[in-house]
Amino acid sequence: MTSVIDAYLVDPQVSLLDKTRIQAQVLVPVLRAVRAELAALLICEADFDIAAAGEGEVSLERTQTIMRGASNCIFRYKFAQW
């Protein structure tokens, strides 16, 4: 059984340019989502690891981030001795 995608890939009636356009319409949104998730993981989530390295002397509270779709980042570091 072939899927719709498999069928268009081998269809000689569909030009290579059209095949490329179809693939771009599918892949570009996926790549954008993956890039945003990776950026959030590598940049934003690392902040919590940095705070954890403070062994209770540093804490981090974050309510929203640009990477997760907010218009700005809202976060607060708290230091036990300051």
Foldseek 3Di string as FASTA:
>chain_A
DDDPLRVQVPDPVQDPVNNVVVVCVVVVVVVVVVVLVVCCVVPVVVVQVVQVVVVPQKHKDWDDDVSVPDPHTDMDIHGNPD
